[in-house]
PDB file of all heavy atoms in Angstrom:
ATOM      1  N   ASP A   1     -21.517  15.317  -4.848  1.00  0.00           N
ATOM      2  CA  ASP A   1     -22.173  14.023  -5.028  1.00  0.00           C
ATOM      3  C   ASP A   1     -21.110  13.015  -5.459  1.00  0.00           C
ATOM      4  O   ASP A   1     -20.432  13.206  -6.481  1.00  0.00           O
ATOM      5  CB  ASP A   1     -23.280  14.108  -6.077  1.00  0.00           C
ATOM      6  CG  ASP A   1     -24.407  15.037  -5.644  1.00  0.00           C
ATOM      7  OD1 ASP A   1     -24.710  15.076  -4.442  1.00  0.00           O
ATOM      8  OD2 ASP A   1     -24.963  15.723  -6.526  1.00  0.00           O
ATOM      9  N   VAL A   2     -20.959  11.951  -4.679  1.00  0.00           N
ATOM     10  CA  VAL A   2     -19.961  10.921  -4.965  1.00  0.00           C
ATOM     11  C   VAL A   2     -20.658   9.743  -5.635  1.00  0.00           C
ATOM     12  O   VAL A   2     -21.516   9.091  -5.020  1.00  0.00           O
ATOM     13  CB  VAL A   2     -19.254  10.461  -3.673  1.00  0.00           C
ATOM     14  CG1 VAL A   2     -18.216   9.403  -3.995  1.00  0.00           C
ATOM     15  CG2 VAL A   2     -18.623  11.653  -2.965  1.00  0.00           C
ATOM     16  N   PHE A   3     -20.293   9.486  -6.886  1.00  0.00           N
ATOM     17  CA  PHE A   3     -20.895   8.399  -7.652  1.00  0.00           C
ATOM     18  C   PHE A   3     -19.921   7.230  -7.772  1.00  0.00           C
ATOM     19  O   PHE A   3     -18.698   7.408  -7.788  1.00  0.00           O
ATOM     20  CB  PHE A   3     -21.305   8.885  -9.045  1.00  0.00           C
ATOM     21  CG  PHE A   3     -22.365   9.945  -9.026  1.00  0.00           C
ATOM     22  CD1 PHE A   3     -22.024  11.291  -9.145  1.00  0.00           C
ATOM     23  CD2 PHE A   3     -23.703   9.620  -8.884  1.00  0.00           C
ATOM     24  CE1 PHE A   3     -22.996  12.276  -9.119  1.00  0.00           C
ATOM     25  CE2 PHE A   3     -24.681  10.595  -8.862  1.00  0.00           C
ATOM     26  CZ  PHE A   3     -24.325  11.929  -8.978  1.00  0.00           C
ATOM     27  N   ALA A   4     -20.471   6.038  -7.874  1.00  0.00           N
ATOM     28  CA  ALA A   4     -19.642   4.834  -7.961  1.00  0.00           C
ATOM     29  C   ALA A   4     -18.894   4.792  -9.292  1.00  0.00           C
ATOM     30  O   ALA A   4     -19.511   4.912 -10.351  1.00  0.00           O
ATOM     31  CB  ALA A   4     -20.514   3.595  -7.817  1.00  0.00           C
ATOM     32  N   PRO A   5     -17.574   4.621  -9.266  1.00  0.00           N
ATOM     33  CA  PRO A   5     -16.807   4.564 -10.516  1.00  0.00           C
ATOM     34  C   PRO A   5     -16.870   3.210 -11.208  1.00  0.00           C
ATOM     35  O   PRO A   5     -16.483   3.090 -12.374  1.00  0.00           O
ATOM     36  CB  PRO A   5     -15.377   4.870 -10.052  1.00  0.00           C
ATOM     37  CG  PRO A   5     -15.340   4.377  -8.641  1.00  0.00           C
ATOM     38  CD  PRO A   5     -16.706   4.600  -8.081  1.00  0.00           C
ATOM     39  N   TYR A   6     -17.353   2.179 -10.496  1.00  0.00           N
ATOM     40  CA  TYR A   6     -17.447   0.830 -11.062  1.00  0.00           C
ATOM     41  C   TYR A   6     -18.405   0.012 -10.200  1.00  0.00           C
ATOM     42  O   TYR A   6     -18.829   0.449  -9.121  1.00  0.00           O
ATOM     43  CB  TYR A   6     -16.073   0.154 -11.119  1.00  0.00           C
ATOM     44  CG  TYR A   6     -15.230   0.370  -9.880  1.00  0.00           C
ATOM     45  CD1 TYR A   6     -15.512  -0.282  -8.672  1.00  0.00           C
ATOM     46  CD2 TYR A   6     -14.142   1.236  -9.905  1.00  0.00           C
ATOM     47  CE1 TYR A   6     -14.753  -0.089  -7.541  1.00  0.00           C
ATOM     48  CE2 TYR A   6     -13.373   1.446  -8.773  1.00  0.00           C
ATOM     49  CZ  TYR A   6     -13.678   0.780  -7.602  1.00  0.00           C
ATOM     50  OH  TYR A   6     -12.918   0.989  -6.470  1.00  0.00           O
ATOM     51  N   ASP A   7     -18.751  -1.165 -10.687  1.00  0.00           N
ATOM     52  CA  ASP A   7     -19.572  -2.085  -9.896  1.00  0.00           C
ATOM     53  C   ASP A   7     -18.749  -2.595  -8.714  1.00  0.00           C
ATOM     54  O   ASP A   7     -17.570  -2.928  -8.866  1.00  0.00           O
ATOM     55  CB  ASP A   7     -20.018  -3.278 -10.745  1.00  0.00           C
ATOM     56  CG  ASP A   7     -20.943  -2.862 -11.881  1.00  0.00           C
ATOM     57  OD1 ASP A   7     -21.384  -1.703 -11.878  1.00  0.00           O
ATOM     58  OD2 ASP A   7     -21.217  -3.705 -12.760  1.00  0.00           O
ATOM     59  N   GLY A   8     -19.386  -2.663  -7.550  1.00  0.00           N
ATOM     60  CA  GLY A   8     -18.645  -3.136  -6.394  1.00  0.00           C
ATOM     61  C   GLY A   8     -19.494  -3.198  -5.150  1.00  0.00           C
ATOM     62  O   GLY A   8     -20.735  -3.220  -5.208  1.00  0.00           O
ATOM     63  N   ARG A   9     -18.819  -3.197  -4.012  1.00  0.00           N
ATOM     64  CA  ARG A   9     -19.481  -3.253  -2.714  1.00  0.00           C
ATOM     65  C   ARG A   9     -18.778  -2.314  -1.748  1.00  0.00           C
ATOM     66  O   ARG A   9     -17.605  -1.965  -1.940  1.00  0.00           O
ATOM     67  CB  ARG A   9     -19.474  -4.683  -2.157  1.00  0.00           C
ATOM     68  CG  ARG A   9     -20.222  -5.678  -3.011  1.00  0.00           C
ATOM     69  CD  ARG A   9     -20.098  -7.083  -2.471  1.00  0.00           C
ATOM     70  NE  ARG A   9     -20.799  -7.250  -1.201  1.00  0.00           N
ATOM     71  CZ  ARG A   9     -20.877  -8.415  -0.553  1.00  0.00           C
ATOM     72  NH1 ARG A   9     -20.282  -9.489  -1.062  1.00  0.00           N
ATOM     73  NH2 ARG A   9     -21.527  -8.506   0.578  1.00  0.00           N
ATOM     74  N   VAL A  10     -19.513  -1.896  -0.727  1.00  0.00           N
ATOM     75  CA  VAL A  10     -18.955  -1.020   0.302  1.00  0.00           C
ATOM     76  C   VAL A  10     -18.206  -1.888   1.301  1.00  0.00           C
ATOM     77  O   VAL A  10     -18.788  -2.775   1.936  1.00  0.00           O
ATOM     78  CB  VAL A  10     -20.060  -0.213   1.005  1.00  0.00           C
ATOM     79  CG1 VAL A  10     -19.467   0.624   2.139  1.00  0.00           C
ATOM     80  CG2 VAL A  10     -20.769   0.691   0.000  1.00  0.00           C
ATOM     81  N   ALA A  11     -16.907  -1.645   1.445  1.00  0.00           N
ATOM     82  CA  ALA A  11     -16.087  -2.414   2.379  1.00  0.00           C
ATOM     83  C   ALA A  11     -16.032  -1.765   3.752  1.00  0.00           C
ATOM     84  O   ALA A  11     -15.962  -2.459   4.765  1.00  0.00           O
ATOM     85  CB  ALA A  11     -14.673  -2.586   1.830  1.00  0.00           C
ATOM     86  N   GLU A  12     -16.080  -0.435   3.796  1.00  0.00           N
ATOM     87  CA  GLU A  12     -15.976   0.265   5.082  1.00  0.00           C
ATOM     88  C   GLU A  12     -16.653   1.621   4.973  1.00  0.00           C
ATOM     89  O   GLU A  12     -16.461   2.348   3.992  1.00  0.00           O
ATOM     90  CB  GLU A  12     -14.512   0.433   5.489  1.00  0.00           C
ATOM     91  CG  GLU A  12     -14.310   1.046   6.856  1.00  0.00           C
ATOM     92  CD  GLU A  12     -12.839   1.133   7.237  1.00  0.00           C
ATOM     93  OE1 GLU A  12     -12.006   0.600   6.483  1.00  0.00           O
ATOM     94  OE2 GLU A  12     -12.539   1.737   8.282  1.00  0.00           O
ATOM     95  N   LEU A  13     -17.436   1.977   5.978  1.00  0.00           N
ATOM     96  CA  LEU A  13     -18.121   3.270   6.042  1.00  0.00           C
ATOM     97  C   LEU A  13     -17.968   3.812   7.457  1.00  0.00           C
ATOM     98  O   LEU A  13     -18.430   3.193   8.416  1.00  0.00           O
ATOM     99  CB  LEU A  13     -19.603   3.121   5.688  1.00  0.00           C
ATOM    100  CG  LEU A  13     -20.449   4.400   5.741  1.00  0.00           C
ATOM    101  CD1 LEU A  13     -19.988   5.385   4.672  1.00  0.00           C
ATOM    102  CD2 LEU A  13     -21.930   4.065   5.563  1.00  0.00           C
ATOM    103  N   THR A  14     -17.310   4.963   7.592  1.00  0.00           N
ATOM    104  CA  THR A  14     -16.994   5.501   8.918  1.00  0.00           C
ATOM    105  C   THR A  14     -17.686   6.826   9.191  1.00  0.00           C
ATOM    106  O   THR A  14     -17.215   7.604  10.018  1.00  0.00           O
ATOM    107  CB  THR A  14     -15.475   5.674   9.070  1.00  0.00           C
ATOM    108  OG1 THR A  14     -14.994   6.579   8.058  1.00  0.00           O
ATOM    109  CG2 THR A  14     -14.758   4.345   8.926  1.00  0.00           C
ATOM    110  N   ILE A  15     -18.772   7.107   8.503  1.00  0.00           N
ATOM    111  CA  ILE A  15     -19.479   8.362   8.705  1.00  0.00           C
ATOM    112  C   ILE A  15     -20.987   8.111   8.645  1.00  0.00           C
ATOM    113  O   ILE A  15     -21.430   7.148   8.005  1.00  0.00           O
ATOM    114  CB  ILE A  15     -19.066   9.413   7.649  1.00  0.00           C
ATOM    115  CG1 ILE A  15     -19.466  10.809   8.084  1.00  0.00           C
ATOM    116  CG2 ILE A  15     -19.646   9.075   6.282  1.00  0.00           C
ATOM    117  CD1 ILE A  15     -18.893  11.894   7.210  1.00  0.00           C
ATOM    118  N   ASN A  16     -21.745   8.958   9.310  1.00  0.00           N
ATOM    119  CA  ASN A  16     -23.199   8.853   9.325  1.00  0.00           C
ATOM    120  C   ASN A  16     -23.821  10.108   8.714  1.00  0.00           C
ATOM    121  O   ASN A  16     -23.153  11.135   8.522  1.00  0.00           O
ATOM    122  CB  ASN A  16     -23.704   8.670  10.758  1.00  0.00           C
ATOM    123  CG  ASN A  16     -23.226   7.378  11.375  1.00  0.00           C
ATOM    124  OD1 ASN A  16     -23.333   6.307  10.766  1.00  0.00           O
ATOM    125  ND2 ASN A  16     -22.687   7.453  12.590  1.00  0.00           N
ATOM    126  N   GLN A  17     -25.091   9.999   8.435  1.00  0.00           N
ATOM    127  CA  GLN A  17     -25.816  11.142   7.881  1.00  0.00           C
ATOM    128  C   GLN A  17     -25.789  12.301   8.876  1.00  0.00           C
ATOM    129  O   GLN A  17     -25.855  12.102  10.090  1.00  0.00           O
ATOM    130  CB  GLN A  17     -27.256  10.744   7.563  1.00  0.00           C
ATOM    131  CG  GLN A  17     -28.012  11.754   6.720  1.00  0.00           C
ATOM    132  CD  GLN A  17     -29.384  11.236   6.330  1.00  0.00           C
ATOM    133  OE1 GLN A  17     -29.833  10.218   6.831  1.00  0.00           O
ATOM    134  NE2 GLN A  17     -30.043  11.924   5.415  1.00  0.00           N
ATOM    135  N   TYR A  18     -25.659  13.523   8.336  1.00  0.00           N
ATOM    136  CA  TYR A  18     -25.592  14.785   9.071  1.00  0.00           C
ATOM    137  C   TYR A  18     -24.237  15.033   9.724  1.00  0.00           C
ATOM    138  O   TYR A  18     -24.032  16.089  10.323  1.00  0.00           O
ATOM    139  CB  TYR A  18     -26.689  14.883  10.145  1.00  0.00           C
ATOM    140  CG  TYR A  18     -28.072  14.651   9.601  1.00  0.00           C
ATOM    141  CD1 TYR A  18     -28.845  13.603  10.067  1.00  0.00           C
ATOM    142  CD2 TYR A  18     -28.589  15.456   8.589  1.00  0.00           C
ATOM    143  CE1 TYR A  18     -30.118  13.368   9.564  1.00  0.00           C
ATOM    144  CE2 TYR A  18     -29.853  15.237   8.067  1.00  0.00           C
ATOM    145  CZ  TYR A  18     -30.618  14.194   8.554  1.00  0.00           C
ATOM    146  OH  TYR A  18     -31.862  13.961   8.042  1.00  0.00           O
ATOM    147  N   GLU A  19     -23.315  14.099   9.609  1.00  0.00           N
ATOM    148  CA  GLU A  19     -21.964  14.329  10.122  1.00  0.00           C
ATOM    149  C   GLU A  19     -21.103  14.983   9.048  1.00  0.00           C
ATOM    150  O   GLU A  19     -21.377  14.876   7.846  1.00  0.00           O
ATOM    151  CB  GLU A  19     -21.321  13.018  10.563  1.00  0.00           C
ATOM    152  CG  GLU A  19     -21.949  12.410  11.804  1.00  0.00           C
ATOM    153  CD  GLU A  19     -21.251  11.142  12.230  1.00  0.00           C
ATOM    154  OE1 GLU A  19     -20.472  10.589  11.416  1.00  0.00           O
ATOM    155  OE2 GLU A  19     -21.479  10.691  13.365  1.00  0.00           O
ATOM    156  N   GLN A  20     -20.030  15.629   9.491  1.00  0.00           N
ATOM    157  CA  GLN A  20     -19.083  16.256   8.584  1.00  0.00           C
ATOM    158  C   GLN A  20     -17.767  15.494   8.646  1.00  0.00           C
ATOM    159  O   GLN A  20     -17.167  15.393   9.716  1.00  0.00           O
ATOM    160  CB  GLN A  20     -18.858  17.722   8.970  1.00  0.00           C
ATOM    161  CG  GLN A  20     -17.860  18.455   8.059  1.00  0.00           C
ATOM    162  CD  GLN A  20     -17.752  19.925   8.393  1.00  0.00           C
ATOM    163  OE1 GLN A  20     -18.769  20.601   8.522  1.00  0.00           O
ATOM    164  NE2 GLN A  20     -16.539  20.427   8.529  1.00  0.00           N
ATOM    165  N   PRO A  21     -17.308  14.931   7.533  1.00  0.00           N
ATOM    166  CA  PRO A  21     -16.075  14.132   7.567  1.00  0.00           C
ATOM    167  C   PRO A  21     -14.849  15.000   7.801  1.00  0.00           C
ATOM    168  O   PRO A  21     -14.841  16.198   7.484  1.00  0.00           O
ATOM    169  CB  PRO A  21     -16.031  13.490   6.180  1.00  0.00           C
ATOM    170  CG  PRO A  21     -16.798  14.429   5.308  1.00  0.00           C
ATOM    171  CD  PRO A  21     -17.884  14.997   6.177  1.00  0.00           C
ATOM    172  N   GLN A  22     -13.819  14.397   8.356  1.00  0.00           N
ATOM    173  CA  GLN A  22     -12.559  15.106   8.532  1.00  0.00           C
ATOM    174  C   GLN A  22     -11.893  15.297   7.182  1.00  0.00           C
ATOM    175  O   GLN A  22     -11.959  14.437   6.307  1.00  0.00           O
ATOM    176  CB  GLN A  22     -11.642  14.317   9.465  1.00  0.00           C
ATOM    177  CG  GLN A  22     -12.185  14.138  10.867  1.00  0.00           C
ATOM    178  CD  GLN A  22     -11.207  13.433  11.776  1.00  0.00           C
ATOM    179  OE1 GLN A  22      -9.993  13.461  11.546  1.00  0.00           O
ATOM    180  NE2 GLN A  22     -11.715  12.775  12.801  1.00  0.00           N
ATOM    181  N   LEU A  23     -11.222  16.426   7.032  1.00  0.00           N
ATOM    182  CA  LEU A  23     -10.607  16.765   5.755  1.00  0.00           C
ATOM    183  C   LEU A  23      -9.525  15.747   5.398  1.00  0.00           C
ATOM    184  O   LEU A  23      -8.663  15.426   6.230  1.00  0.00           O
ATOM    185  CB  LEU A  23     -10.012  18.166   5.807  1.00  0.00           C
ATOM    186  CG  LEU A  23     -10.999  19.316   6.023  1.00  0.00           C
ATOM    187  CD1 LEU A  23     -10.260  20.654   6.034  1.00  0.00           C
ATOM    188  CD2 LEU A  23     -12.074  19.317   4.938  1.00  0.00           C
ATOM    189  N   ASN A  24      -9.590  15.260   4.163  1.00  0.00           N
ATOM    190  CA  ASN A  24      -8.587  14.362   3.591  1.00  0.00           C
ATOM    191  C   ASN A  24      -8.412  13.059   4.379  1.00  0.00           C
ATOM    192  O   ASN A  24      -7.401  12.381   4.240  1.00  0.00           O
ATOM    193  CB  ASN A  24      -7.231  15.074   3.469  1.00  0.00           C
ATOM    194  CG  ASN A  24      -7.300  16.293   2.584  1.00  0.00           C
ATOM    195  OD1 ASN A  24      -7.940  16.274   1.532  1.00  0.00           O
ATOM    196  ND2 ASN A  24      -6.642  17.368   2.995  1.00  0.00           N
ATOM    197  N   LYS A  25      -9.404  12.680   5.177  1.00  0.00           N
ATOM    198  CA  LYS A  25      -9.372  11.400   5.879  1.00  0.00           C
ATOM    199  C   LYS A  25     -10.423  10.484   5.265  1.00  0.00           C
ATOM    200  O   LYS A  25     -11.587  10.862   5.166  1.00  0.00           O
ATOM    201  CB  LYS A  25      -9.650  11.585   7.366  1.00  0.00           C
ATOM    202  CG  LYS A  25      -9.561  10.281   8.158  1.00  0.00           C
ATOM    203  CD  LYS A  25      -9.787  10.509   9.633  1.00  0.00           C
ATOM    204  CE  LYS A  25      -9.692   9.196  10.403  1.00  0.00           C
ATOM    205  NZ  LYS A  25      -9.891   9.391  11.856  1.00  0.00           N
ATOM    206  N   PRO A  26     -10.039   9.275   4.831  1.00  0.00           N
ATOM    207  CA  PRO A  26     -11.003   8.387   4.174  1.00  0.00           C
ATOM    208  C   PRO A  26     -12.212   8.092   5.056  1.00  0.00           C
ATOM    209  O   PRO A  26     -12.067   7.795   6.247  1.00  0.00           O
ATOM    210  CB  PRO A  26     -10.192   7.121   3.916  1.00  0.00           C
ATOM    211  CG  PRO A  26      -8.773   7.582   3.872  1.00  0.00           C
ATOM    212  CD  PRO A  26      -8.682   8.704   4.856  1.00  0.00           C
ATOM    213  N   PHE A  27     -13.394   8.229   4.468  1.00  0.00           N
ATOM    214  CA  PHE A  27     -14.632   7.926   5.178  1.00  0.00           C
ATOM    215  C   PHE A  27     -15.410   6.793   4.509  1.00  0.00           C
ATOM    216  O   PHE A  27     -16.386   6.298   5.061  1.00  0.00           O
ATOM    217  CB  PHE A  27     -15.532   9.166   5.245  1.00  0.00           C
ATOM    218  CG  PHE A  27     -15.960   9.681   3.905  1.00  0.00           C
ATOM    219  CD1 PHE A  27     -17.113   9.220   3.294  1.00  0.00           C
ATOM    220  CD2 PHE A  27     -15.204  10.636   3.233  1.00  0.00           C
ATOM    221  CE1 PHE A  27     -17.508   9.687   2.052  1.00  0.00           C
ATOM    222  CE2 PHE A  27     -15.592  11.113   1.987  1.00  0.00           C
ATOM    223  CZ  PHE A  27     -16.747  10.643   1.401  1.00  0.00           C
ATOM    224  N   LEU A  28     -14.953   6.377   3.317  1.00  0.00           N
ATOM    225  CA  LEU A  28     -15.647   5.330   2.578  1.00  0.00           C
ATOM    226  C   LEU A  28     -14.623   4.522   1.789  1.00  0.00           C
ATOM    227  O   LEU A  28     -13.802   5.095   1.067  1.00  0.00           O
ATOM    228  CB  LEU A  28     -16.682   5.942   1.629  1.00  0.00           C
ATOM    229  CG  LEU A  28     -17.475   4.972   0.749  1.00  0.00           C
ATOM    230  CD1 LEU A  28     -18.374   4.085   1.594  1.00  0.00           C
ATOM    231  CD2 LEU A  28     -18.321   5.751  -0.264  1.00  0.00           C
ATOM    232  N   VAL A  29     -14.669   3.195   1.947  1.00  0.00           N
ATOM    233  CA  VAL A  29     -13.793   2.296   1.197  1.00  0.00           C
ATOM    234  C   VAL A  29     -14.663   1.379   0.351  1.00  0.00           C
ATOM    235  O   VAL A  29     -15.575   0.724   0.871  1.00  0.00           O
ATOM    236  CB  VAL A  29     -12.902   1.459   2.131  1.00  0.00           C
ATOM    237  CG1 VAL A  29     -12.031   0.491   1.323  1.00  0.00           C
ATOM    238  CG2 VAL A  29     -12.023   2.369   2.985  1.00  0.00           C
ATOM    239  N   ILE A  30     -14.402   1.343  -0.943  1.00  0.00           N
ATOM    240  CA  ILE A  30     -15.167   0.505  -1.857  1.00  0.00           C
ATOM    241  C   ILE A  30     -14.219  -0.452  -2.580  1.00  0.00           C
ATOM    242  O   ILE A  30     -13.044  -0.136  -2.801  1.00  0.00           O
ATOM    243  CB  ILE A  30     -15.956   1.347  -2.883  1.00  0.00           C
ATOM    244  CG1 ILE A  30     -14.998   2.230  -3.709  1.00  0.00           C
ATOM    245  CG2 ILE A  30     -16.997   2.210  -2.185  1.00  0.00           C
ATOM    246  CD1 ILE A  30     -15.682   3.012  -4.816  1.00  0.00           C
ATOM    247  N   VAL A  31     -14.749  -1.611  -2.935  1.00  0.00           N
ATOM    248  CA  VAL A  31     -13.961  -2.607  -3.670  1.00  0.00           C
ATOM    249  C   VAL A  31     -14.788  -3.104  -4.844  1.00  0.00           C
ATOM    250  O   VAL A  31     -16.007  -3.287  -4.732  1.00  0.00           O
ATOM    251  CB  VAL A  31     -13.547  -3.795  -2.773  1.00  0.00           C
ATOM    252  CG1 VAL A  31     -12.550  -3.361  -1.732  1.00  0.00           C
ATOM    253  CG2 VAL A  31     -14.755  -4.429  -2.118  1.00  0.00           C
ATOM    254  N   GLY A  32     -14.127  -3.313  -5.958  1.00  0.00           N
ATOM    255  CA  GLY A  32     -14.784  -3.866  -7.132  1.00  0.00           C
ATOM    256  C   GLY A  32     -14.937  -5.372  -7.021  1.00  0.00           C
ATOM    257  O   GLY A  32     -14.143  -6.046  -6.359  1.00  0.00           O
ATOM    258  N   GLN A  33     -15.917  -5.907  -7.699  1.00  0.00           N
ATOM    259  CA  GLN A  33     -16.201  -7.337  -7.655  1.00  0.00           C
ATOM    260  C   GLN A  33     -15.908  -8.047  -8.974  1.00  0.00           C
ATOM    261  O   GLN A  33     -15.830  -9.274  -9.008  1.00  0.00           O
ATOM    262  CB  GLN A  33     -17.672  -7.561  -7.288  1.00  0.00           C
ATOM    263  CG  GLN A  33     -18.061  -7.029  -5.921  1.00  0.00           C
ATOM    264  CD  GLN A  33     -17.376  -7.775  -4.797  1.00  0.00           C
ATOM    265  OE1 GLN A  33     -17.476  -8.982  -4.672  1.00  0.00           O
ATOM    266  NE2 GLN A  33     -16.660  -7.041  -3.969  1.00  0.00           N
ATOM    267  N   SER A  34     -15.738  -7.283 -10.029  1.00  0.00           N
ATOM    268  CA  SER A  34     -15.621  -7.906 -11.346  1.00  0.00           C
ATOM    269  C   SER A  34     -14.185  -8.252 -11.712  1.00  0.00           C
ATOM    270  O   SER A  34     -13.950  -9.217 -12.443  1.00  0.00           O
ATOM    271  CB  SER A  34     -16.216  -6.980 -12.411  1.00  0.00           C
ATOM    272  OG  SER A  34     -15.562  -5.719 -12.397  1.00  0.00           O
ATOM    273  N   ARG A  35     -13.226  -7.506 -11.204  1.00  0.00           N
ATOM    274  CA  ARG A  35     -11.827  -7.739 -11.565  1.00  0.00           C
ATOM    275  C   ARG A  35     -11.049  -8.154 -10.313  1.00  0.00           C
ATOM    276  O   ARG A  35     -10.728  -7.320  -9.469  1.00  0.00           O
ATOM    277  CB  ARG A  35     -11.208  -6.500 -12.204  1.00  0.00           C
ATOM    278  CG  ARG A  35     -11.892  -6.062 -13.492  1.00  0.00           C
ATOM    279  CD  ARG A  35     -10.998  -5.179 -14.314  1.00  0.00           C
ATOM    280  NE  ARG A  35     -10.647  -3.937 -13.613  1.00  0.00           N
ATOM    281  CZ  ARG A  35      -9.730  -3.086 -14.057  1.00  0.00           C
ATOM    282  NH1 ARG A  35      -9.055  -3.356 -15.166  1.00  0.00           N
ATOM    283  NH2 ARG A  35      -9.496  -1.961 -13.392  1.00  0.00           N
ATOM    284  N   LEU A  36     -10.760  -9.449 -10.233  1.00  0.00           N
ATOM    285  CA  LEU A  36     -10.048  -9.997  -9.085  1.00  0.00           C
ATOM    286  C   LEU A  36      -8.724 -10.598  -9.534  1.00  0.00           C
ATOM    287  O   LEU A  36      -8.604 -11.106 -10.650  1.00  0.00           O
ATOM    288  CB  LEU A  36     -10.890 -11.069  -8.387  1.00  0.00           C
ATOM    289  CG  LEU A  36     -12.247 -10.633  -7.840  1.00  0.00           C
ATOM    290  CD1 LEU A  36     -13.002 -11.828  -7.279  1.00  0.00           C
ATOM    291  CD2 LEU A  36     -12.093  -9.549  -6.783  1.00  0.00           C
ATOM    292  N   GLU A  37      -7.741 -10.533  -8.658  1.00  0.00           N
ATOM    293  CA  GLU A  37      -6.431 -11.105  -8.928  1.00  0.00           C
ATOM    294  C   GLU A  37      -6.027 -12.041  -7.785  1.00  0.00           C
ATOM    295  O   GLU A  37      -6.490 -11.898  -6.659  1.00  0.00           O
ATOM    296  CB  GLU A  37      -5.370 -10.022  -9.082  1.00  0.00           C
ATOM    297  CG  GLU A  37      -5.502  -9.194 -10.329  1.00  0.00           C
ATOM    298  CD  GLU A  37      -4.358  -8.211 -10.490  1.00  0.00           C
ATOM    299  OE1 GLU A  37      -3.719  -7.862  -9.467  1.00  0.00           O
ATOM    300  OE2 GLU A  37      -4.100  -7.787 -11.626  1.00  0.00           O
ATOM    301  N   ILE A  38      -5.162 -12.993  -8.101  1.00  0.00           N
ATOM    302  CA  ILE A  38      -4.629 -13.933  -7.118  1.00  0.00           C
ATOM    303  C   ILE A  38      -3.140 -13.654  -6.959  1.00  0.00           C
ATOM    304  O   ILE A  38      -2.396 -13.659  -7.938  1.00  0.00           O
ATOM    305  CB  ILE A  38      -4.842 -15.389  -7.559  1.00  0.00           C
ATOM    306  CG1 ILE A  38      -6.305 -15.648  -7.906  1.00  0.00           C
ATOM    307  CG2 ILE A  38      -4.365 -16.350  -6.483  1.00  0.00           C
ATOM    308  CD1 ILE A  38      -6.534 -16.976  -8.602  1.00  0.00           C
ATOM    309  N   GLU A  39      -2.729 -13.392  -5.733  1.00  0.00           N
ATOM    310  CA  GLU A  39      -1.318 -13.173  -5.433  1.00  0.00           C
ATOM    311  C   GLU A  39      -0.765 -14.415  -4.736  1.00  0.00           C
ATOM    312  O   GLU A  39      -1.266 -14.819  -3.696  1.00  0.00           O
ATOM    313  CB  GLU A  39      -1.121 -11.953  -4.543  1.00  0.00           C
ATOM    314  CG  GLU A  39      -1.434 -10.635  -5.212  1.00  0.00           C
ATOM    315  CD  GLU A  39      -1.113  -9.440  -4.328  1.00  0.00           C
ATOM    316  OE1 GLU A  39      -0.545  -9.668  -3.232  1.00  0.00           O
ATOM    317  OE2 GLU A  39      -1.434  -8.316  -4.711  1.00  0.00           O
ATOM    318  N   VAL A  40       0.276 -15.017  -5.319  1.00  0.00           N
ATOM    319  CA  VAL A  40       0.924 -16.176  -4.718  1.00  0.00           C
ATOM    320  C   VAL A  40       2.430 -15.937  -4.679  1.00  0.00           C
ATOM    321  O   VAL A  40       2.981 -15.177  -5.488  1.00  0.00           O
ATOM    322  CB  VAL A  40       0.610 -17.480  -5.492  1.00  0.00           C
ATOM    323  CG1 VAL A  40      -0.855 -17.814  -5.418  1.00  0.00           C
ATOM    324  CG2 VAL A  40       1.049 -17.362  -6.943  1.00  0.00           C
TER     325      VAL A  40
END
């Protein structure tokens, strides 16, 4: 069971229900919304 480590949003999801993800290949990308930085 994968639980959210912080408040955020789903940026990318590459798997569907009943599918088996490839080993060690990212299937879910999440980004936090509360801590943002500006790079200049």
